[in-house]
Every structure is written in structure tokens, then in C-alpha cells.
């Protein structure tokens, strides 16, 4: 889908001091405790009759995206004093202050005669009485109305938090059906919020650990199609797969792309030893990066591609290490109680997320890239396999409930440990991987 973005308003004047603030409306999402900001997402105006349903649906998704972060509280329309009936009308700031709104989103939607959907929005800082940035306009086909809504919500989120958005993204995961002793697994892809599910494989063989390419158009995964684990690459658009030429007589698994998209790191188990290898997708050249008599797996590149984080039991217990992209002597960075695994570098480069097992509980946590400032975000019977949102401020992971009938499900949490919630899927789900923002 080709997209374009059109500026419809000039850059707003600098925001003046608010009554209870020293600057523009801004949320710091790394704070541990925060009161959600009251925001009014006014019903988007259908600027022609054909756009009525789209206006209603876009309003609902924008509101759901923002309130779903836990950072915003949408003021119900029944509380409104002013009603927004004209996109270009002057905002009645006193009316919105009277209901304690701190921000207002106003939008308009048009469906053109040739089937193009055009949506525009403006964002206002109510207490300062000023626009918060410029208004923008997005366009796409009628089947893209959810993407239009996500793009608008990303803009609102970004202007208020100062962080990049993450709503216009997708998640690839493993859909699971059937009893535990006969579990069927296949690759599925969905919008970040669980909508628009599509299947990328059948359930004829077990699939594990899908991982997006940096451009989001390809997925690496492990499959048991040949009877033992091997690595495949799949094109998301054509759903065509190919087995990677790793020339391994043993098992290969845990693949992940380098930031350049042309290199893959993975684990290979041979003769009882598991090490990390690197594959150049263009030339087919393979390089062994570790050679210790221990288990090295779950490699993940730093955003600049210079280093790799991975898990290893070379110290006698499962811990996290980093090393150069070309191998060499690794540095241990985890030293807390318990075992650490599935490390993954934040797309911002500031944190490493991980799974931790300690005292009979599993946790999702984050630490600085040198191992300092470790912080556990969750605790459960089984939490594992974190993946970062494209803005590096939210994590998604697998949580499995206890008991013989326990089922895996997808959950998300922000890096402060707030806003833990289940991601809706129709069936059991595991092994999520978050895409970059869509083009």
C-alpha cells in the first residue's frame, strides 16, 4: 500500500505556559506511577455521507489505541459541553477546561468518488489554549481505514510523549490449537492490537520463534518440517518460504536478522554442543562466532549491528553475555539471582529485555546494556520470550497459565512495569515478534 502524508496547517506557535505546568503537555512514560491524561477524542466528522461508518470506526480505533497505553483516559462524549461539528471551527477552550480535558483531538473523514479514504486531524493543548503541532492528513484505500486510524493515533501519542508511536505495526506469532499432547502450531500475523489476523503457514509441522526482518517484509522461523529443527525464511507478501542454506547436519534454530537485513545469526547444535553462527544471505558464507563447550543460543543484534547479546550456560548457569558481531571473548552482564534467557536488544539501544527464572517464578525484565539497573516488570507461573515495540517503550511476551489445561497467551507491558494487559487472540498464542513501523 502506498501512503502519502500532507501537511494541512502551518507549524503552530510555541505553546505558552499551562496553568499547572511549566511547558507544553508532555507525558514521561518511563515514570513508575502516572495519572492518565484526560483526553477528548471528539467524534470524527464525516465530511460526506459515504464516510459516516469510516468516521465512526476511525474514532473508535484512535481512542482505543491511546487509552490502551494506560497513559490516557478518554472523556466520554456525554460529558462534552462543546460539540465538534466543523473541523475548522474555533476551539472553545473554556468548555473543554470545564470538563478537565487536557488535550483534544478533532478529525474529519472524506470518501472520494474514486474510493480514496482521506482522514485529517488536529491536536490541541487545552490548558495552554494552543494547537499541539501541526494538523496532518492521511489517505489510503477503504480497506486501510484501520491503518489510517493507527497513523493518527501514532501522531497524537508522539506529540504528547515525545516518543515515536507504535500503533501502525504488526505482530507475527505462533497460533496454537489442540490439547497439550497434540498441539498444532502455525504462523500467524496480526495488527499490534489483535485485529486482521492472517495465517502464513499450515499446521502440518511445528513452527517456532518467528522473527521479522528490519523492513518487516520477511520472517525467519524454525520448523520441524524435515523432522528436526531447521531455519526457514518467508516472504510476508507472497507467503513463499525457503530453507536457509546453513549446511547443518544437526539442528539449527533461534535465528534473527542483523539490522542490515542481509545477515542472520542463529544457533547450531551438533554432537552435543550448541554454538552461535552468522550467515551472509547474499554470499552464503557462514562464520562460527562461539566455540565454548556449553550452550550458546538466542542471539540478538544491537541496533547499530556492532554487538550481539545471547544466553549461555558457560558459567554453570544460564546467563546473558554480549560479544562483538564478529565473535571474540564475550562479556557476562547478568549477575542477579536465578537464570536468564531470551535476551533481545531494544531498538533504541538503551535496554536489553530478558526472561528470568528465580524461586519458582518467571519474569520479564529489562537491564541496561552493561547489566546495570535490572528491573523486573512481570511475575507469573510462566512468562517468556519478550519482543520490543518499534519505539522501544513497550514489550510483548508469552504468558502460560498453570495447570494441565494451561494455555499460552500474548501479553504486553510498558518498560515502567505499568499497563500489563492481554493482547486479544482467538486461540492460544505464543512466540510474538513485533514488526518495525509499517511504511
Foldseek 3Di string as FASTA:
>chain_A
DDKDKDFDFPWWDAFCAFPPGRGFQADALLDLDDQAAEEEEAQEEEPDPVCVVLSNVLSVLLVCQRVLQVNHDYDDPVQFPDHDHDQPDQDPLVRCVVSPHQKYKYKYWYQDPVQKIKMKIWMDGSRSSITQTTIMMMIDGPVCSSLRSQVVSQVVVCSHHVFGGFQQWKKKWWFWDDAPVDIFIFIWMAGPQAHDIDTLDGRPWDKDFWAAAQQRQKIWIWTCPVPATFIKMAGPVVSDIDTQPPVAPFHKGQWYAANVRQKIKTWGADPRAIFIWMAGNPPRDIATQDDDRWHWGQWEAQLVRQKIKTWICNVVATFIWMDGSRHDDIHTQADDPFHWHNWYAFNVRFKIWIWGDHPQWIFIWIAGPNNPPIDTQDIANDWGAWEARQRRFKIKTWDWHDDSRIAIFIWMATNSSPSIDTRDYPGGIHNMYMHHRHD
